[in-house]
Amino acid sequence: MLVGLLAWAGAAHAQTENDLLRDLEKQTTDSTKREAVAATFKGTHIINSQSVETPGQGTLAFLIQHRFGTINSGPYEFFGLDNAVLRLSFEYGVTDRLALGLGRSSQEKTFDGFVKYKALQQSTGAHPMPVSVTLFASSAITTLKFNQTANTAERSTASRLDYTYQVLLARKFSPSLSVQLMPTLIHRNYVALEGMQNDVYSIGAGLRQKLTKRLALTADYFYLLPGYVADNYRNALGVGVDIETGGHVFQLHLTNSSGMVEKFFVPQTTGNFFDGDIFFGFTVARNFTVKSRD
């Protein structure tokens, strides 16, 4: 009997050692496995600004962006609801990192196209990457009819083109909080007055604070670096909420900018948010899988 007890104890001890070795091996494997941090932001836009997110390979995103008039326009304009700016756009994920987009805004009848490339993806585990970095470049052209009294330079096609270059740097600090910084350059081929800047520099910031499983608070802000534009225009500010409803994200927001293209809301915002120059708007995004993954 004593021999049997000793044999049982030895077997139990060996089993315990095996369990410990397996747990240690699992922990070692987990610590060396690199995992990407997903859903830093829920959509490809925060409010005015782009986010670091791309649609994903083979996914086509259709966005409807709507911006009403200012709330302080009074009851005659139904507090802005009688006026509106609309932008429709498509964004396609060529790969999980590369996306192409095309949009059309009713403001100055503007078409815009862009390319977006996720250069770095935040990750945990072995050799963690602390931030996600997405590169964004776009061009926009207004198609309003030419002013017959305008000079030759103003009437040229080149004068209607503007370009945007951004580096989007974001970090998801927790499952609830994400923050993004956005160094931005807007190049305008044509400016109407002497002394105005063809190149406008700005630093943007955005955040997403998750409140519930399907509801999140969002905000973004663009600070104009000193110069003519900063002296004569205002910094763009937006606050809003993201509502996740199954296959799409519904975004409601308040902002002092009526424009939804970078060439408008970065260098041409005139509204004073705290004086009531607030535009109520929304964005609806719907994703469609048009190509299965390889």
C-alpha atoms as a PDB file:
ATOM      1  CA  MET A   1       0.000   0.000   0.000  1.00  0.00           C
ATOM      2  CA  LEU A   2       2.850   2.356   0.875  1.00  0.00           C
ATOM      3  CA  VAL A   3       4.457   1.625  -2.452  1.00  0.00           C
ATOM      4  CA  GLY A   4       1.178   2.440  -4.188  1.00  0.00           C
ATOM      5  CA  LEU A   5       0.884   5.783  -2.369  1.00  0.00           C
ATOM      6  CA  LEU A   6       4.458   6.708  -3.261  1.00  0.00           C
ATOM      7  CA  ALA A   7       3.827   5.838  -6.912  1.00  0.00           C
ATOM      8  CA  TRP A   8       0.628   7.929  -6.943  1.00  0.00           C
ATOM      9  CA  ALA A   9       2.428  10.899  -5.347  1.00  0.00           C
ATOM     10  CA  GLY A  10       5.245  10.644  -7.890  1.00  0.00           C
ATOM     11  CA  ALA A  11       2.790  10.577 -10.777  1.00  0.00           C
ATOM     12  CA  ALA A  12       0.892  13.576  -9.378  1.00  0.00           C
ATOM     13  CA  HIS A  13       4.143  15.493  -8.941  1.00  0.00           C
ATOM     14  CA  ALA A  14       5.164  14.701 -12.530  1.00  0.00           C
ATOM     15  CA  GLN A  15       1.739  15.804 -13.788  1.00  0.00           C
ATOM     16  CA  THR A  16       2.043  19.091 -11.873  1.00  0.00           C
ATOM     17  CA  GLU A  17       5.468  19.724 -13.376  1.00  0.00           C
ATOM     18  CA  ASN A  18       4.092  19.003 -16.856  1.00  0.00           C
ATOM     19  CA  ASP A  19       1.204  21.449 -16.288  1.00  0.00           C
ATOM     20  CA  LEU A  20       3.620  24.126 -15.111  1.00  0.00           C
ATOM     21  CA  LEU A  21       5.852  23.564 -18.117  1.00  0.00           C
ATOM     22  CA  ARG A  22       2.875  23.830 -20.473  1.00  0.00           C
ATOM     23  CA  ASP A  23       1.702  27.057 -18.791  1.00  0.00           C
ATOM     24  CA  LEU A  24       5.217  28.495 -18.980  1.00  0.00           C
ATOM     25  CA  GLU A  25       5.511  27.516 -22.637  1.00  0.00           C
ATOM     26  CA  LYS A  26       2.113  29.091 -23.373  1.00  0.00           C
ATOM     27  CA  GLN A  27       3.100  32.332 -21.631  1.00  0.00           C
ATOM     28  CA  THR A  28       6.380  32.415 -23.535  1.00  0.00           C
ATOM     29  CA  THR A  29       4.573  31.839 -26.831  1.00  0.00           C
ATOM     30  CA  ASP A  30       2.004  34.537 -26.039  1.00  0.00           C
ATOM     31  CA  SER A  31       4.720  37.036 -25.151  1.00  0.00           C
ATOM     32  CA  THR A  32       6.522  36.445 -28.458  1.00  0.00           C
ATOM     33  CA  LYS A  33       3.386  36.581 -30.601  1.00  0.00           C
ATOM     34  CA  ARG A  34       2.773  39.944 -32.247  1.00  0.00           C
ATOM     35  CA  GLU A  35      -0.875  41.015 -32.411  1.00  0.00           C
ATOM     36  CA  ALA A  36      -2.271  44.018 -34.285  1.00  0.00           C
ATOM     37  CA  VAL A  37      -4.432  46.459 -32.342  1.00  0.00           C
ATOM     38  CA  ALA A  38      -7.781  46.635 -34.137  1.00  0.00           C
ATOM     39  CA  ALA A  39     -10.481  49.310 -34.343  1.00  0.00           C
ATOM     40  CA  THR A  40      -8.514  52.312 -33.144  1.00  0.00           C
ATOM     41  CA  PHE A  41     -11.449  54.228 -34.635  1.00  0.00           C
ATOM     42  CA  LYS A  42     -14.678  52.655 -35.769  1.00  0.00           C
ATOM     43  CA  GLY A  43     -14.862  54.460 -39.105  1.00  0.00           C
ATOM     44  CA  THR A  44     -12.578  55.966 -41.717  1.00  0.00           C
ATOM     45  CA  HIS A  45     -13.579  59.471 -40.530  1.00  0.00           C
ATOM     46  CA  ILE A  46     -13.660  60.990 -37.049  1.00  0.00           C
ATOM     47  CA  ILE A  47     -15.784  64.107 -37.717  1.00  0.00           C
ATOM     48  CA  ASN A  48     -14.189  66.470 -40.223  1.00  0.00           C
ATOM     49  CA  SER A  49     -10.949  64.544 -40.369  1.00  0.00           C
ATOM     50  CA  GLN A  50      -9.857  61.221 -41.761  1.00  0.00           C
ATOM     51  CA  SER A  51      -8.895  58.521 -39.254  1.00  0.00           C
ATOM     52  CA  VAL A  52      -6.030  56.018 -39.517  1.00  0.00           C
ATOM     53  CA  GLU A  53      -8.520  53.316 -40.502  1.00  0.00           C
ATOM     54  CA  THR A  54      -8.914  51.928 -44.046  1.00  0.00           C
ATOM     55  CA  PRO A  55     -11.852  49.831 -45.310  1.00  0.00           C
ATOM     56  CA  GLY A  56      -9.881  46.574 -45.576  1.00  0.00           C
ATOM     57  CA  GLN A  57      -9.052  44.469 -48.609  1.00  0.00           C
ATOM     58  CA  GLY A  58     -11.940  44.021 -51.025  1.00  0.00           C
ATOM     59  CA  THR A  59     -14.297  46.268 -49.037  1.00  0.00           C
ATOM     60  CA  LEU A  60     -16.145  49.175 -50.638  1.00  0.00           C
ATOM     61  CA  ALA A  61     -17.346  51.842 -48.200  1.00  0.00           C
ATOM     62  CA  PHE A  62     -20.129  54.203 -49.249  1.00  0.00           C
ATOM     63  CA  LEU A  63     -20.361  57.405 -47.198  1.00  0.00           C
ATOM     64  CA  ILE A  64     -23.150  59.972 -47.041  1.00  0.00           C
ATOM     65  CA  GLN A  65     -22.016  63.145 -45.286  1.00  0.00           C
ATOM     66  CA  HIS A  66     -24.615  65.830 -44.611  1.00  0.00           C
ATOM     67  CA  ARG A  67     -24.112  69.246 -43.040  1.00  0.00           C
ATOM     68  CA  PHE A  68     -27.026  71.613 -42.310  1.00  0.00           C
ATOM     69  CA  GLY A  69     -26.808  75.400 -41.901  1.00  0.00           C
ATOM     70  CA  THR A  70     -25.834  77.169 -38.674  1.00  0.00           C
ATOM     71  CA  ILE A  71     -28.047  76.722 -35.646  1.00  0.00           C
ATOM     72  CA  ASN A  72     -27.963  80.470 -34.912  1.00  0.00           C
ATOM     73  CA  SER A  73     -29.529  81.291 -38.320  1.00  0.00           C
ATOM     74  CA  GLY A  74     -32.847  81.475 -36.471  1.00  0.00           C
ATOM     75  CA  PRO A  75     -36.392  80.157 -36.920  1.00  0.00           C
ATOM     76  CA  TYR A  76     -36.801  81.619 -40.439  1.00  0.00           C
ATOM     77  CA  GLU A  77     -34.129  79.187 -41.664  1.00  0.00           C
ATOM     78  CA  PHE A  78     -35.518  76.548 -39.268  1.00  0.00           C
ATOM     79  CA  PHE A  79     -32.277  76.795 -37.297  1.00  0.00           C
ATOM     80  CA  GLY A  80     -30.197  75.704 -40.257  1.00  0.00           C
ATOM     81  CA  LEU A  81     -32.305  72.808 -41.490  1.00  0.00           C
ATOM     82  CA  ASP A  82     -33.397  74.746 -44.604  1.00  0.00           C
ATOM     83  CA  ASN A  83     -29.796  74.827 -45.841  1.00  0.00           C
ATOM     84  CA  ALA A  84     -27.459  71.927 -46.385  1.00  0.00           C
ATOM     85  CA  VAL A  85     -24.190  70.756 -47.903  1.00  0.00           C
ATOM     86  CA  LEU A  86     -23.936  67.150 -49.085  1.00  0.00           C
ATOM     87  CA  ARG A  87     -20.947  64.963 -49.886  1.00  0.00           C
ATOM     88  CA  LEU A  88     -21.128  61.443 -51.332  1.00  0.00           C
ATOM     89  CA  SER A  89     -18.024  59.285 -51.523  1.00  0.00           C
ATOM     90  CA  PHE A  90     -16.708  55.786 -52.159  1.00  0.00           C
ATOM     91  CA  GLU A  91     -13.643  54.310 -50.476  1.00  0.00           C
ATOM     92  CA  TYR A  92     -12.180  50.993 -51.631  1.00  0.00           C
ATOM     93  CA  GLY A  93      -9.632  48.801 -49.857  1.00  0.00           C
ATOM     94  CA  VAL A  94      -7.141  47.607 -52.473  1.00  0.00           C
ATOM     95  CA  THR A  95      -5.334  45.820 -49.624  1.00  0.00           C
ATOM     96  CA  ASP A  96      -5.696  45.939 -45.855  1.00  0.00           C
ATOM     97  CA  ARG A  97      -3.239  48.848 -45.891  1.00  0.00           C
ATOM     98  CA  LEU A  98      -3.990  50.697 -49.141  1.00  0.00           C
ATOM     99  CA  ALA A  99      -7.262  52.491 -49.931  1.00  0.00           C
ATOM    100  CA  LEU A 100      -8.453  54.711 -52.755  1.00  0.00           C
ATOM    101  CA  GLY A 101     -11.339  57.156 -52.554  1.00  0.00           C
ATOM    102  CA  LEU A 102     -13.486  59.421 -54.699  1.00  0.00           C
ATOM    103  CA  GLY A 103     -16.037  61.970 -53.536  1.00  0.00           C
ATOM    104  CA  ARG A 104     -18.275  64.788 -54.693  1.00  0.00           C
ATOM    105  CA  SER A 105     -19.418  67.702 -52.527  1.00  0.00           C
ATOM    106  CA  SER A 106     -22.185  70.166 -53.325  1.00  0.00           C
ATOM    107  CA  GLN A 107     -20.001  72.945 -51.879  1.00  0.00           C
ATOM    108  CA  GLU A 108     -18.544  74.711 -54.920  1.00  0.00           C
ATOM    109  CA  LYS A 109     -19.441  71.525 -56.853  1.00  0.00           C
ATOM    110  CA  THR A 110     -16.168  69.951 -55.718  1.00  0.00           C
ATOM    111  CA  PHE A 111     -14.765  66.571 -56.728  1.00  0.00           C
ATOM    112  CA  ASP A 112     -12.003  65.029 -54.634  1.00  0.00           C
ATOM    113  CA  GLY A 113      -9.883  61.914 -54.883  1.00  0.00           C
ATOM    114  CA  PHE A 114      -7.433  60.457 -52.415  1.00  0.00           C
ATOM    115  CA  VAL A 115      -5.013  57.682 -51.612  1.00  0.00           C
ATOM    116  CA  LYS A 116      -4.532  56.403 -48.077  1.00  0.00           C
ATOM    117  CA  TYR A 117      -1.780  54.034 -46.957  1.00  0.00           C
ATOM    118  CA  LYS A 118      -1.383  52.501 -43.506  1.00  0.00           C
ATOM    119  CA  ALA A 119       2.400  52.485 -43.123  1.00  0.00           C
ATOM    120  CA  LEU A 120       2.491  51.199 -39.530  1.00  0.00           C
ATOM    121  CA  GLN A 121      -0.013  49.272 -37.414  1.00  0.00           C
ATOM    122  CA  GLN A 122      -0.076  49.494 -33.626  1.00  0.00           C
ATOM    123  CA  SER A 123       0.635  46.079 -32.109  1.00  0.00           C
ATOM    124  CA  THR A 124       1.369  44.289 -28.857  1.00  0.00           C
ATOM    125  CA  GLY A 125       3.588  41.331 -27.961  1.00  0.00           C
ATOM    126  CA  ALA A 126       7.095  40.866 -29.319  1.00  0.00           C
ATOM    127  CA  HIS A 127       8.601  44.039 -30.752  1.00  0.00           C
ATOM    128  CA  PRO A 128       5.420  46.067 -30.123  1.00  0.00           C
ATOM    129  CA  MET A 129       4.550  49.071 -32.279  1.00  0.00           C
ATOM    130  CA  PRO A 130       3.254  51.902 -30.049  1.00  0.00           C
ATOM    131  CA  VAL A 131       1.285  53.781 -32.737  1.00  0.00           C
ATOM    132  CA  SER A 132      -0.470  53.400 -36.067  1.00  0.00           C
ATOM    133  CA  VAL A 133       0.702  55.673 -38.888  1.00  0.00           C
ATOM    134  CA  THR A 134      -1.362  56.298 -42.013  1.00  0.00           C
ATOM    135  CA  LEU A 135      -0.273  58.519 -44.900  1.00  0.00           C
ATOM    136  CA  PHE A 136      -2.988  60.491 -46.676  1.00  0.00           C
ATOM    137  CA  ALA A 137      -2.835  62.525 -49.897  1.00  0.00           C
ATOM    138  CA  SER A 138      -5.726  64.036 -51.820  1.00  0.00           C
ATOM    139  CA  SER A 139      -6.545  66.511 -54.558  1.00  0.00           C
ATOM    140  CA  ALA A 140      -9.747  68.472 -55.023  1.00  0.00           C
ATOM    141  CA  ILE A 141     -11.121  70.512 -57.907  1.00  0.00           C
ATOM    142  CA  THR A 142     -14.067  72.895 -57.921  1.00  0.00           C
ATOM    143  CA  THR A 143     -16.322  72.843 -60.991  1.00  0.00           C
ATOM    144  CA  LEU A 144     -18.311  76.042 -60.577  1.00  0.00           C
ATOM    145  CA  LYS A 145     -18.904  77.899 -63.828  1.00  0.00           C
ATOM    146  CA  PHE A 146     -16.138  80.327 -64.717  1.00  0.00           C
ATOM    147  CA  ASN A 147     -16.663  83.927 -63.737  1.00  0.00           C
ATOM    148  CA  GLN A 148     -16.561  85.746 -67.080  1.00  0.00           C
ATOM    149  CA  THR A 149     -15.097  88.858 -65.453  1.00  0.00           C
ATOM    150  CA  ALA A 150     -12.286  86.929 -63.754  1.00  0.00           C
ATOM    151  CA  ASN A 151      -8.713  87.181 -64.909  1.00  0.00           C
ATOM    152  CA  THR A 152      -7.046  84.461 -66.960  1.00  0.00           C
ATOM    153  CA  ALA A 153      -5.242  82.888 -63.983  1.00  0.00           C
ATOM    154  CA  GLU A 154      -8.452  82.578 -61.974  1.00  0.00           C
ATOM    155  CA  ARG A 155     -10.282  80.958 -64.882  1.00  0.00           C
ATOM    156  CA  SER A 156      -7.664  78.279 -65.567  1.00  0.00           C
ATOM    157  CA  THR A 157      -8.192  74.652 -64.599  1.00  0.00           C
ATOM    158  CA  ALA A 158      -4.992  74.648 -62.539  1.00  0.00           C
ATOM    159  CA  SER A 159      -6.308  77.491 -60.384  1.00  0.00           C
ATOM    160  CA  ARG A 160      -9.162  75.261 -59.239  1.00  0.00           C
ATOM    161  CA  LEU A 161      -6.926  72.529 -57.852  1.00  0.00           C
ATOM    162  CA  ASP A 162      -5.940  72.127 -54.207  1.00  0.00           C
ATOM    163  CA  TYR A 163      -3.847  69.395 -52.591  1.00  0.00           C
ATOM    164  CA  THR A 164      -3.752  67.927 -49.094  1.00  0.00           C
ATOM    165  CA  TYR A 165      -0.953  65.942 -47.439  1.00  0.00           C
ATOM    166  CA  GLN A 166      -1.327  64.439 -43.970  1.00  0.00           C
ATOM    167  CA  VAL A 167       0.441  62.096 -41.599  1.00  0.00           C
ATOM    168  CA  LEU A 168      -2.113  60.465 -39.288  1.00  0.00           C
ATOM    169  CA  LEU A 169      -0.577  59.160 -36.039  1.00  0.00           C
ATOM    170  CA  ALA A 170      -2.890  57.341 -33.644  1.00  0.00           C
ATOM    171  CA  ARG A 171      -2.689  55.270 -30.503  1.00  0.00           C
ATOM    172  CA  LYS A 172      -5.346  53.177 -28.830  1.00  0.00           C
ATOM    173  CA  PHE A 173      -4.531  53.658 -25.162  1.00  0.00           C
ATOM    174  CA  SER A 174      -7.260  51.307 -23.918  1.00  0.00           C
ATOM    175  CA  PRO A 175     -10.334  49.505 -25.304  1.00  0.00           C
ATOM    176  CA  SER A 176     -12.200  52.784 -24.711  1.00  0.00           C
ATOM    177  CA  LEU A 177      -9.787  55.620 -25.556  1.00  0.00           C
ATOM    178  CA  SER A 178      -8.060  56.417 -28.877  1.00  0.00           C
ATOM    179  CA  VAL A 179      -6.150  59.602 -29.747  1.00  0.00           C
ATOM    180  CA  GLN A 180      -4.864  60.841 -33.113  1.00  0.00           C
ATOM    181  CA  LEU A 181      -2.506  63.633 -34.246  1.00  0.00           C
ATOM    182  CA  MET A 182      -2.584  65.021 -37.805  1.00  0.00           C
ATOM    183  CA  PRO A 183       0.220  67.239 -39.172  1.00  0.00           C
ATOM    184  CA  THR A 184      -1.367  68.735 -42.294  1.00  0.00           C
ATOM    185  CA  LEU A 185      -0.290  70.691 -45.382  1.00  0.00           C
ATOM    186  CA  ILE A 186      -2.805  72.251 -47.773  1.00  0.00           C
ATOM    187  CA  HIS A 187      -1.404  73.545 -51.061  1.00  0.00           C
ATOM    188  CA  ARG A 188      -3.618  75.908 -53.055  1.00  0.00           C
ATOM    189  CA  ASN A 189      -2.622  76.579 -56.645  1.00  0.00           C
ATOM    190  CA  TYR A 190      -4.397  79.926 -56.708  1.00  0.00           C
ATOM    191  CA  VAL A 191      -5.111  82.560 -54.030  1.00  0.00           C
ATOM    192  CA  ALA A 192      -7.090  85.685 -54.771  1.00  0.00           C
ATOM    193  CA  LEU A 193      -5.160  88.269 -52.770  1.00  0.00           C
ATOM    194  CA  GLU A 194      -1.511  89.172 -52.495  1.00  0.00           C
ATOM    195  CA  GLY A 195      -0.106  88.015 -49.185  1.00  0.00           C
ATOM    196  CA  MET A 196      -2.410  85.018 -48.910  1.00  0.00           C
ATOM    197  CA  GLN A 197      -0.702  81.669 -48.406  1.00  0.00           C
ATOM    198  CA  ASN A 198      -0.540  79.058 -51.122  1.00  0.00           C
ATOM    199  CA  ASP A 199       0.721  76.614 -48.483  1.00  0.00           C
ATOM    200  CA  VAL A 200      -1.273  76.344 -45.251  1.00  0.00           C
ATOM    201  CA  TYR A 201       0.102  74.329 -42.328  1.00  0.00           C
ATOM    202  CA  SER A 202      -2.039  72.935 -39.537  1.00  0.00           C
ATOM    203  CA  ILE A 203      -1.829  70.498 -36.641  1.00  0.00           C
ATOM    204  CA  GLY A 204      -4.940  68.427 -36.057  1.00  0.00           C
ATOM    205  CA  ALA A 205      -5.974  66.261 -33.128  1.00  0.00           C
ATOM    206  CA  GLY A 206      -8.821  63.792 -32.716  1.00  0.00           C
ATOM    207  CA  LEU A 207     -10.138  61.390 -30.109  1.00  0.00           C
ATOM    208  CA  ARG A 208     -12.658  58.662 -29.557  1.00  0.00           C
ATOM    209  CA  GLN A 209     -13.932  57.796 -26.067  1.00  0.00           C
ATOM    210  CA  LYS A 210     -16.148  54.741 -25.960  1.00  0.00           C
ATOM    211  CA  LEU A 211     -19.124  55.159 -23.611  1.00  0.00           C
ATOM    212  CA  THR A 212     -21.021  51.912 -24.138  1.00  0.00           C
ATOM    213  CA  LYS A 213     -20.727  48.876 -26.394  1.00  0.00           C
ATOM    214  CA  ARG A 214     -22.306  50.756 -29.305  1.00  0.00           C
ATOM    215  CA  LEU A 215     -21.868  54.435 -28.397  1.00  0.00           C
ATOM    216  CA  ALA A 216     -18.723  56.583 -28.459  1.00  0.00           C
ATOM    217  CA  LEU A 217     -17.900  60.278 -27.999  1.00  0.00           C
ATOM    218  CA  THR A 218     -15.698  61.812 -30.735  1.00  0.00           C
ATOM    219  CA  ALA A 219     -13.958  65.140 -31.319  1.00  0.00           C
ATOM    220  CA  ASP A 220     -11.442  66.693 -33.680  1.00  0.00           C
ATOM    221  CA  TYR A 221      -9.690  70.072 -33.919  1.00  0.00           C
ATOM    222  CA  PHE A 222      -7.331  71.739 -36.392  1.00  0.00           C
ATOM    223  CA  TYR A 223      -4.955  74.444 -35.204  1.00  0.00           C
ATOM    224  CA  LEU A 224      -3.732  76.766 -37.954  1.00  0.00           C
ATOM    225  CA  LEU A 225      -0.082  77.726 -37.711  1.00  0.00           C
ATOM    226  CA  PRO A 226       0.521  81.503 -37.631  1.00  0.00           C
ATOM    227  CA  GLY A 227       0.116  83.321 -40.938  1.00  0.00           C
ATOM    228  CA  TYR A 228      -2.468  85.058 -43.112  1.00  0.00           C
ATOM    229  CA  VAL A 229      -4.957  82.198 -42.896  1.00  0.00           C
ATOM    230  CA  ALA A 230      -4.699  81.910 -39.104  1.00  0.00           C
ATOM    231  CA  ASP A 231      -5.253  85.678 -38.792  1.00  0.00           C
ATOM    232  CA  ASN A 232      -8.359  85.730 -40.994  1.00  0.00           C
ATOM    233  CA  TYR A 233     -10.001  82.345 -40.439  1.00  0.00           C
ATOM    234  CA  ARG A 234     -10.816  80.118 -37.482  1.00  0.00           C
ATOM    235  CA  ASN A 235      -9.663  76.729 -36.308  1.00  0.00           C
ATOM    236  CA  ALA A 236     -12.057  73.918 -37.196  1.00  0.00           C
ATOM    237  CA  LEU A 237     -13.667  72.215 -34.184  1.00  0.00           C
ATOM    238  CA  GLY A 238     -16.076  69.307 -34.113  1.00  0.00           C
ATOM    239  CA  VAL A 239     -17.725  67.167 -31.421  1.00  0.00           C
ATOM    240  CA  GLY A 240     -20.034  64.232 -31.938  1.00  0.00           C
ATOM    241  CA  VAL A 241     -21.102  60.684 -31.208  1.00  0.00           C
ATOM    242  CA  ASP A 242     -20.637  57.409 -33.094  1.00  0.00           C
ATOM    243  CA  ILE A 243     -23.522  54.948 -33.023  1.00  0.00           C
ATOM    244  CA  GLU A 244     -22.822  51.393 -34.190  1.00  0.00           C
ATOM    245  CA  THR A 245     -25.898  49.772 -35.729  1.00  0.00           C
ATOM    246  CA  GLY A 246     -24.993  46.390 -37.152  1.00  0.00           C
ATOM    247  CA  GLY A 247     -23.651  46.788 -40.671  1.00  0.00           C
ATOM    248  CA  HIS A 248     -22.937  50.503 -40.510  1.00  0.00           C
ATOM    249  CA  VAL A 249     -21.798  53.363 -38.283  1.00  0.00           C
ATOM    250  CA  PHE A 250     -24.044  56.396 -37.807  1.00  0.00           C
ATOM    251  CA  GLN A 251     -22.183  59.562 -36.787  1.00  0.00           C
ATOM    252  CA  LEU A 252     -23.877  62.705 -35.426  1.00  0.00           C
ATOM    253  CA  HIS A 253     -21.827  65.852 -34.904  1.00  0.00           C
ATOM    254  CA  LEU A 254     -21.669  69.599 -34.307  1.00  0.00           C
ATOM    255  CA  THR A 255     -18.939  71.686 -35.958  1.00  0.00           C
ATOM    256  CA  ASN A 256     -18.124  75.261 -36.936  1.00  0.00           C
ATOM    257  CA  SER A 257     -17.209  74.242 -40.500  1.00  0.00           C
ATOM    258  CA  SER A 258     -19.669  73.621 -43.318  1.00  0.00           C
ATOM    259  CA  GLY A 259     -17.045  71.975 -45.534  1.00  0.00           C
ATOM    260  CA  MET A 260     -16.327  68.252 -45.571  1.00  0.00           C
ATOM    261  CA  VAL A 261     -13.239  68.327 -47.787  1.00  0.00           C
ATOM    262  CA  GLU A 262      -9.837  69.273 -46.338  1.00  0.00           C
ATOM    263  CA  LYS A 263      -9.450  72.290 -48.636  1.00  0.00           C
ATOM    264  CA  PHE A 264     -12.569  73.784 -46.998  1.00  0.00           C
ATOM    265  CA  PHE A 265     -12.478  72.939 -43.320  1.00  0.00           C
ATOM    266  CA  VAL A 266      -8.729  73.410 -42.681  1.00  0.00           C
ATOM    267  CA  PRO A 267      -7.986  76.826 -44.290  1.00  0.00           C
ATOM    268  CA  GLN A 268     -11.488  78.289 -44.844  1.00  0.00           C
ATOM    269  CA  THR A 269     -13.488  77.853 -41.637  1.00  0.00           C
ATOM    270  CA  THR A 270     -15.210  81.118 -40.669  1.00  0.00           C
ATOM    271  CA  GLY A 271     -17.696  80.047 -38.002  1.00  0.00           C
ATOM    272  CA  ASN A 272     -17.203  80.812 -34.314  1.00  0.00           C
ATOM    273  CA  PHE A 273     -18.289  77.660 -32.496  1.00  0.00           C
ATOM    274  CA  PHE A 274     -18.881  79.464 -29.198  1.00  0.00           C
ATOM    275  CA  ASP A 275     -20.979  82.228 -30.804  1.00  0.00           C
ATOM    276  CA  GLY A 276     -23.424  79.691 -32.186  1.00  0.00           C
ATOM    277  CA  ASP A 277     -21.964  79.310 -35.691  1.00  0.00           C
ATOM    278  CA  ILE A 278     -22.564  75.592 -35.354  1.00  0.00           C
ATOM    279  CA  PHE A 279     -23.430  73.277 -38.213  1.00  0.00           C
ATOM    280  CA  PHE A 280     -25.317  70.120 -37.268  1.00  0.00           C
ATOM    281  CA  GLY A 281     -24.505  67.154 -39.460  1.00  0.00           C
ATOM    282  CA  PHE A 282     -24.291  63.419 -39.795  1.00  0.00           C
ATOM    283  CA  THR A 283     -22.330  60.742 -41.611  1.00  0.00           C
ATOM    284  CA  VAL A 284     -23.648  57.334 -42.583  1.00  0.00           C
ATOM    285  CA  ALA A 285     -21.130  54.706 -43.659  1.00  0.00           C
ATOM    286  CA  ARG A 286     -22.070  51.356 -45.194  1.00  0.00           C
ATOM    287  CA  ASN A 287     -19.531  48.686 -46.129  1.00  0.00           C
ATOM    288  CA  PHE A 288     -19.921  46.172 -48.956  1.00  0.00           C
ATOM    289  CA  THR A 289     -17.690  43.185 -49.657  1.00  0.00           C
ATOM    290  CA  VAL A 290     -17.010  43.244 -53.384  1.00  0.00           C
ATOM    291  CA  LYS A 291     -14.036  40.903 -53.470  1.00  0.00           C
ATOM    292  CA  SER A 292     -13.229  37.958 -51.232  1.00  0.00           C
ATOM    293  CA  ARG A 293      -9.828  37.838 -49.603  1.00  0.00           C
ATOM    294  CA  ASP A 294      -7.046  35.923 -51.320  1.00  0.00           C
END
